[in-house]
Each structure stands twice: as structure tokens, then as C-alpha cells.
Amino acid sequence: MGVGKECPMQLSSRFTIAVHMLAALALFEGDRRVTSDFLAGSIRVNPVVIRRLLLMLKAEGLVTVARGRNGSHLARKPKDITLYDVYRATELLDDGELFHFHERPNPACPAGRTIHHALDSRLLEVQQAMEKKLGEIRLSDIVTDMKKELAKEAYKREGTASKSRGDAVPISEPF
């Protein structure tokens, strides 16, 4: 694939944005209100995108959404939300399939006549393997990794601050 060309078959960004949203809700739970504007700033997308995804996640029972400035919250514990749950809420086509096959291959052409037979079961196998793996990864795994990364960043800041100031006072920055 050339530079600047978009892959037409990749999953949309809805999935990764939704995971980011859920991870932020888990990460900031109890520390701050997480509103759609806050999430939009974290993800750098329009708040309308966030609100649409919140409705999808709410429909799957993953979040609760309060009107106004009360923010959103996880409807389940992070250990009870898998990436498959998020994928199912944001990516599946109406028929439950990941791959949308072109609808009218030419039956007069040998390739067009046989492509479904040769490819359909393989695409289903790929989808099932991906869904199985997504079901093994929990939101709590993602949040744990994020917290580890934040701890590394804090350690690096602390080390840099200690060397420049000559003391061991940690630097704390607001999120």
C-alpha cells in the first residue's frame, strides 16, 4: 500500500476511540467527572463523535450516561468488560459479520462465480479467531497497562527533577 493511501478494509476508528473512552472512565473513576467534552479533548475528536459512541456503548450496557455535566460512568467493572464487548457495540455489521463482501460478483466470470465459495468460510474463520482473542482481553488489562506506563513516566519525571533540584521531591502534574 502506498504512502497516503488508506486501507479500505480496516476497522473504523470507532473501536479504538471507544476503548480509549472506557479506559478513561475507568482511570478517572472517583477522581473527576468524565464528560463528553473531556473525552473529546483526550481523544482529540469532536464531542459529537463521543456522544454517538456513548449511545452505542450504553445500548450494550457498558456505560451509563448522565445528562448535562454529570458525566458518564462504567456500567460494569473493568474486569467484566472485554474488548469483544466493545467491538460488538461499535463494529459489527447488521448481520453480525465483520467483512462486507461485495454483493454482485459477475456469475459469467469464473472468478466471480466461485469467489464466495473460496473465501466466505476463510473470512468467517478469521473473524472468529479475532473475536476469540478480543474476548480474552479485559478493560482492566488495558487500564493496568496504562497505570504502569503512567508510573514509569512519573518515575522518569521524579528522577529528572531530583537531579536538577538536588532533592527527591516527585513532580506531580494534573491529568
C-alpha atoms as a PDB file:
ATOM      1  CA  MET A   1       0.000   0.000   0.000  1.00  0.00           C
ATOM      2  CA  GLY A   2       1.398   3.382  -0.950  1.00  0.00           C
ATOM      3  CA  VAL A   3       2.006   6.362   1.287  1.00  0.00           C
ATOM      4  CA  GLY A   4      -1.134   8.381   1.839  1.00  0.00           C
ATOM      5  CA  LYS A   5      -3.465   5.619   0.689  1.00  0.00           C
ATOM      6  CA  GLU A   6      -5.977   4.417   3.209  1.00  0.00           C
ATOM      7  CA  CYS A   7      -6.693   0.728   3.617  1.00  0.00           C
ATOM      8  CA  PRO A   8     -10.380   0.380   2.681  1.00  0.00           C
ATOM      9  CA  MET A   9     -10.908  -2.806   4.720  1.00  0.00           C
ATOM     10  CA  GLN A  10      -9.611  -1.807   8.136  1.00  0.00           C
ATOM     11  CA  LEU A  11     -11.880  -1.470  11.132  1.00  0.00           C
ATOM     12  CA  SER A  12     -13.114   2.037  11.713  1.00  0.00           C
ATOM     13  CA  SER A  13     -11.620   4.143  14.479  1.00  0.00           C
ATOM     14  CA  ARG A  14     -14.859   3.735  16.480  1.00  0.00           C
ATOM     15  CA  PHE A  15     -13.411   0.674  18.201  1.00  0.00           C
ATOM     16  CA  THR A  16     -10.176   2.282  19.406  1.00  0.00           C
ATOM     17  CA  ILE A  17     -11.947   5.516  20.338  1.00  0.00           C
ATOM     18  CA  ALA A  18     -14.481   3.517  22.375  1.00  0.00           C
ATOM     19  CA  VAL A  19     -11.699   1.603  24.165  1.00  0.00           C
ATOM     20  CA  HIS A  20      -9.977   4.926  24.915  1.00  0.00           C
ATOM     21  CA  MET A  21     -13.250   6.293  26.305  1.00  0.00           C
ATOM     22  CA  LEU A  22     -13.870   3.280  28.528  1.00  0.00           C
ATOM     23  CA  ALA A  23     -10.268   3.254  29.740  1.00  0.00           C
ATOM     24  CA  ALA A  24     -10.527   6.950  30.636  1.00  0.00           C
ATOM     25  CA  LEU A  25     -13.775   6.312  32.514  1.00  0.00           C
ATOM     26  CA  ALA A  26     -12.044   3.559  34.493  1.00  0.00           C
ATOM     27  CA  LEU A  27      -8.828   5.523  35.019  1.00  0.00           C
ATOM     28  CA  PHE A  28     -10.545   8.677  36.315  1.00  0.00           C
ATOM     29  CA  GLU A  29     -13.378   6.978  38.243  1.00  0.00           C
ATOM     30  CA  GLY A  30     -13.803   8.802  41.540  1.00  0.00           C
ATOM     31  CA  ASP A  31     -11.192  11.457  40.674  1.00  0.00           C
ATOM     32  CA  ARG A  32     -13.140  13.631  38.257  1.00  0.00           C
ATOM     33  CA  ARG A  33     -16.300  13.870  36.211  1.00  0.00           C
ATOM     34  CA  VAL A  34     -15.717  12.435  32.781  1.00  0.00           C
ATOM     35  CA  THR A  35     -17.889  14.345  30.341  1.00  0.00           C
ATOM     36  CA  SER A  36     -18.113  14.007  26.586  1.00  0.00           C
ATOM     37  CA  ASP A  37     -16.160  17.263  26.264  1.00  0.00           C
ATOM     38  CA  PHE A  38     -13.407  15.888  28.496  1.00  0.00           C
ATOM     39  CA  LEU A  39     -13.254  12.671  26.461  1.00  0.00           C
ATOM     40  CA  ALA A  40     -13.236  14.635  23.200  1.00  0.00           C
ATOM     41  CA  GLY A  41     -10.240  16.605  24.462  1.00  0.00           C
ATOM     42  CA  SER A  42      -8.402  13.454  25.493  1.00  0.00           C
ATOM     43  CA  ILE A  43      -9.038  11.717  22.182  1.00  0.00           C
ATOM     44  CA  ARG A  44      -8.922  14.872  20.056  1.00  0.00           C
ATOM     45  CA  VAL A  45     -12.180  14.295  18.253  1.00  0.00           C
ATOM     46  CA  ASN A  46     -15.397  16.249  18.009  1.00  0.00           C
ATOM     47  CA  PRO A  47     -17.670  15.797  21.060  1.00  0.00           C
ATOM     48  CA  VAL A  48     -20.434  14.654  18.683  1.00  0.00           C
ATOM     49  CA  VAL A  49     -18.334  11.556  17.880  1.00  0.00           C
ATOM     50  CA  ILE A  50     -18.040  10.846  21.606  1.00  0.00           C
ATOM     51  CA  ARG A  51     -21.772  11.280  22.205  1.00  0.00           C
ATOM     52  CA  ARG A  52     -22.647   8.891  19.368  1.00  0.00           C
ATOM     53  CA  LEU A  53     -20.254   6.273  20.709  1.00  0.00           C
ATOM     54  CA  LEU A  54     -21.568   6.729  24.245  1.00  0.00           C
ATOM     55  CA  LEU A  55     -25.034   5.878  22.932  1.00  0.00           C
ATOM     56  CA  MET A  56     -23.658   2.710  21.265  1.00  0.00           C
ATOM     57  CA  LEU A  57     -21.848   1.710  24.459  1.00  0.00           C
ATOM     58  CA  LYS A  58     -24.920   2.479  26.548  1.00  0.00           C
ATOM     59  CA  ALA A  59     -27.075   0.290  24.281  1.00  0.00           C
ATOM     60  CA  GLU A  60     -24.681  -2.616  25.017  1.00  0.00           C
ATOM     61  CA  GLY A  61     -24.861  -1.947  28.768  1.00  0.00           C
ATOM     62  CA  LEU A  62     -21.225  -0.835  29.031  1.00  0.00           C
ATOM     63  CA  VAL A  63     -21.780   2.726  30.278  1.00  0.00           C
ATOM     64  CA  THR A  64     -24.334   4.905  31.963  1.00  0.00           C
ATOM     65  CA  VAL A  65     -24.760   8.390  30.592  1.00  0.00           C
ATOM     66  CA  ALA A  66     -25.995  11.273  32.698  1.00  0.00           C
ATOM     67  CA  ARG A  67     -27.364  14.363  31.032  1.00  0.00           C
ATOM     68  CA  GLY A  68     -25.575  17.662  31.445  1.00  0.00           C
ATOM     69  CA  ARG A  69     -22.357  17.952  33.385  1.00  0.00           C
ATOM     70  CA  ASN A  70     -22.728  14.787  35.466  1.00  0.00           C
ATOM     71  CA  GLY A  71     -20.610  12.782  33.061  1.00  0.00           C
ATOM     72  CA  SER A  72     -20.575   9.127  32.138  1.00  0.00           C
ATOM     73  CA  HIS A  73     -19.635   6.064  34.151  1.00  0.00           C
ATOM     74  CA  LEU A  74     -18.852   2.434  33.500  1.00  0.00           C
ATOM     75  CA  ALA A  75     -21.934   0.264  33.933  1.00  0.00           C
ATOM     76  CA  ARG A  76     -19.740  -2.744  34.772  1.00  0.00           C
ATOM     77  CA  LYS A  77     -16.421  -3.251  36.461  1.00  0.00           C
ATOM     78  CA  PRO A  78     -13.426  -3.062  34.092  1.00  0.00           C
ATOM     79  CA  LYS A  79     -12.730  -6.761  34.681  1.00  0.00           C
ATOM     80  CA  ASP A  80     -16.227  -7.514  33.367  1.00  0.00           C
ATOM     81  CA  ILE A  81     -15.788  -5.672  30.056  1.00  0.00           C
ATOM     82  CA  THR A  82     -13.884  -7.358  27.232  1.00  0.00           C
ATOM     83  CA  LEU A  83     -12.633  -5.849  24.021  1.00  0.00           C
ATOM     84  CA  TYR A  84     -15.095  -8.168  22.286  1.00  0.00           C
ATOM     85  CA  ASP A  85     -17.916  -6.331  24.109  1.00  0.00           C
ATOM     86  CA  VAL A  86     -16.596  -3.032  22.734  1.00  0.00           C
ATOM     87  CA  TYR A  87     -16.127  -4.482  19.256  1.00  0.00           C
ATOM     88  CA  ARG A  88     -19.664  -5.857  19.271  1.00  0.00           C
ATOM     89  CA  ALA A  89     -21.013  -2.458  20.343  1.00  0.00           C
ATOM     90  CA  THR A  90     -19.139  -0.470  17.716  1.00  0.00           C
ATOM     91  CA  GLU A  91     -18.069  -2.521  14.701  1.00  0.00           C
ATOM     92  CA  LEU A  92     -20.287  -5.412  13.691  1.00  0.00           C
ATOM     93  CA  LEU A  93     -22.408  -5.024  10.607  1.00  0.00           C
ATOM     94  CA  ASP A  94     -26.135  -5.604  10.969  1.00  0.00           C
ATOM     95  CA  ASP A  95     -25.766  -9.273  10.045  1.00  0.00           C
ATOM     96  CA  GLY A  96     -23.045  -9.826  12.655  1.00  0.00           C
ATOM     97  CA  GLU A  97     -20.269 -10.138  10.107  1.00  0.00           C
ATOM     98  CA  LEU A  98     -17.027  -8.184  10.129  1.00  0.00           C
ATOM     99  CA  PHE A  99     -16.348  -8.429   6.410  1.00  0.00           C
ATOM    100  CA  HIS A 100     -18.770  -6.886   3.985  1.00  0.00           C
ATOM    101  CA  PHE A 101     -18.432  -8.907   0.801  1.00  0.00           C
ATOM    102  CA  HIS A 102     -19.066  -7.140  -2.488  1.00  0.00           C
ATOM    103  CA  GLU A 103     -22.592  -8.091  -3.330  1.00  0.00           C
ATOM    104  CA  ARG A 104     -22.733  -8.813  -7.013  1.00  0.00           C
ATOM    105  CA  PRO A 105     -19.705 -10.650  -8.399  1.00  0.00           C
ATOM    106  CA  ASN A 106     -20.194 -11.450 -12.056  1.00  0.00           C
ATOM    107  CA  PRO A 107     -21.563 -15.027 -12.409  1.00  0.00           C
ATOM    108  CA  ALA A 108     -20.409 -15.121 -16.046  1.00  0.00           C
ATOM    109  CA  CYS A 109     -16.805 -14.832 -14.864  1.00  0.00           C
ATOM    110  CA  PRO A 110     -15.163 -17.948 -13.357  1.00  0.00           C
ATOM    111  CA  ALA A 111     -13.600 -15.814 -10.574  1.00  0.00           C
ATOM    112  CA  GLY A 112     -16.881 -14.018  -9.832  1.00  0.00           C
ATOM    113  CA  ARG A 113     -18.822 -17.278  -9.847  1.00  0.00           C
ATOM    114  CA  THR A 114     -16.530 -19.042  -7.341  1.00  0.00           C
ATOM    115  CA  ILE A 115     -15.145 -16.307  -5.068  1.00  0.00           C
ATOM    116  CA  HIS A 116     -17.806 -16.706  -2.368  1.00  0.00           C
ATOM    117  CA  HIS A 117     -17.232 -20.449  -2.198  1.00  0.00           C
ATOM    118  CA  ALA A 118     -13.471 -19.978  -1.884  1.00  0.00           C
ATOM    119  CA  LEU A 119     -13.410 -17.023   0.513  1.00  0.00           C
ATOM    120  CA  ASP A 120     -16.523 -16.905   2.731  1.00  0.00           C
ATOM    121  CA  SER A 121     -15.537 -19.674   5.138  1.00  0.00           C
ATOM    122  CA  ARG A 122     -11.997 -18.303   5.453  1.00  0.00           C
ATOM    123  CA  LEU A 123     -13.242 -14.822   6.296  1.00  0.00           C
ATOM    124  CA  LEU A 124     -15.571 -16.294   8.898  1.00  0.00           C
ATOM    125  CA  GLU A 125     -12.637 -18.226  10.385  1.00  0.00           C
ATOM    126  CA  VAL A 126     -10.558 -15.028  10.602  1.00  0.00           C
ATOM    127  CA  GLN A 127     -13.438 -13.159  12.235  1.00  0.00           C
ATOM    128  CA  GLN A 128     -13.995 -15.922  14.794  1.00  0.00           C
ATOM    129  CA  ALA A 129     -10.283 -16.019  15.723  1.00  0.00           C
ATOM    130  CA  MET A 130     -10.209 -12.253  16.163  1.00  0.00           C
ATOM    131  CA  GLU A 131     -13.390 -12.273  18.247  1.00  0.00           C
ATOM    132  CA  LYS A 132     -12.000 -15.054  20.455  1.00  0.00           C
ATOM    133  CA  LYS A 133      -8.824 -13.037  21.118  1.00  0.00           C
ATOM    134  CA  LEU A 134     -10.801  -9.855  21.805  1.00  0.00           C
ATOM    135  CA  GLY A 135     -12.865 -11.823  24.320  1.00  0.00           C
ATOM    136  CA  GLU A 136      -9.699 -12.728  26.222  1.00  0.00           C
ATOM    137  CA  ILE A 137      -8.627  -9.107  26.750  1.00  0.00           C
ATOM    138  CA  ARG A 138     -10.358  -7.188  29.510  1.00  0.00           C
ATOM    139  CA  LEU A 139     -10.653  -3.455  30.006  1.00  0.00           C
ATOM    140  CA  SER A 140      -8.911  -3.990  33.346  1.00  0.00           C
ATOM    141  CA  ASP A 141      -5.868  -5.316  31.417  1.00  0.00           C
ATOM    142  CA  ILE A 142      -5.752  -2.115  29.367  1.00  0.00           C
ATOM    143  CA  VAL A 143      -6.147   0.120  32.428  1.00  0.00           C
ATOM    144  CA  THR A 144      -3.441  -1.817  34.307  1.00  0.00           C
ATOM    145  CA  ASP A 145      -1.029  -1.286  31.418  1.00  0.00           C
ATOM    146  CA  MET A 146      -1.922   2.414  31.299  1.00  0.00           C
ATOM    147  CA  LYS A 147      -1.247   2.771  35.032  1.00  0.00           C
ATOM    148  CA  LYS A 148       2.121   1.038  34.627  1.00  0.00           C
ATOM    149  CA  GLU A 149       3.038   3.466  31.863  1.00  0.00           C
ATOM    150  CA  LEU A 150       1.963   6.425  33.999  1.00  0.00           C
ATOM    151  CA  ALA A 151       4.096   5.106  36.853  1.00  0.00           C
ATOM    152  CA  LYS A 152       7.105   4.877  34.508  1.00  0.00           C
ATOM    153  CA  GLU A 153       6.517   8.455  33.378  1.00  0.00           C
ATOM    154  CA  ALA A 154       6.282   9.636  36.986  1.00  0.00           C
ATOM    155  CA  TYR A 155       9.480   7.791  37.862  1.00  0.00           C
ATOM    156  CA  LYS A 156      11.305   9.424  34.950  1.00  0.00           C
ATOM    157  CA  ARG A 157       9.990  12.869  35.925  1.00  0.00           C
ATOM    158  CA  GLU A 158      10.968  12.262  39.538  1.00  0.00           C
ATOM    159  CA  GLY A 159      14.481  11.246  38.535  1.00  0.00           C
ATOM    160  CA  THR A 160      14.885  14.271  36.287  1.00  0.00           C
ATOM    161  CA  ALA A 161      13.503  16.616  38.930  1.00  0.00           C
ATOM    162  CA  SER A 162      15.744  15.141  41.629  1.00  0.00           C
ATOM    163  CA  LYS A 163      18.869  15.627  39.523  1.00  0.00           C
ATOM    164  CA  SER A 164      18.028  19.205  38.576  1.00  0.00           C
ATOM    165  CA  ARG A 165      16.890  20.293  42.059  1.00  0.00           C
ATOM    166  CA  GLY A 166      19.151  18.070  44.101  1.00  0.00           C
ATOM    167  CA  ASP A 167      16.282  16.546  46.061  1.00  0.00           C
ATOM    168  CA  ALA A 168      13.875  13.663  45.762  1.00  0.00           C
ATOM    169  CA  VAL A 169      10.576  15.549  45.649  1.00  0.00           C
ATOM    170  CA  PRO A 170       8.351  13.997  42.956  1.00  0.00           C
ATOM    171  CA  ILE A 171       6.764  16.179  40.339  1.00  0.00           C
ATOM    172  CA  SER A 172       3.022  15.733  40.063  1.00  0.00           C
ATOM    173  CA  GLU A 173       1.119  17.002  37.055  1.00  0.00           C
ATOM    174  CA  PRO A 174      -2.636  17.086  36.739  1.00  0.00           C
ATOM    175  CA  PHE A 175      -4.146  14.859  34.100  1.00  0.00           C
END
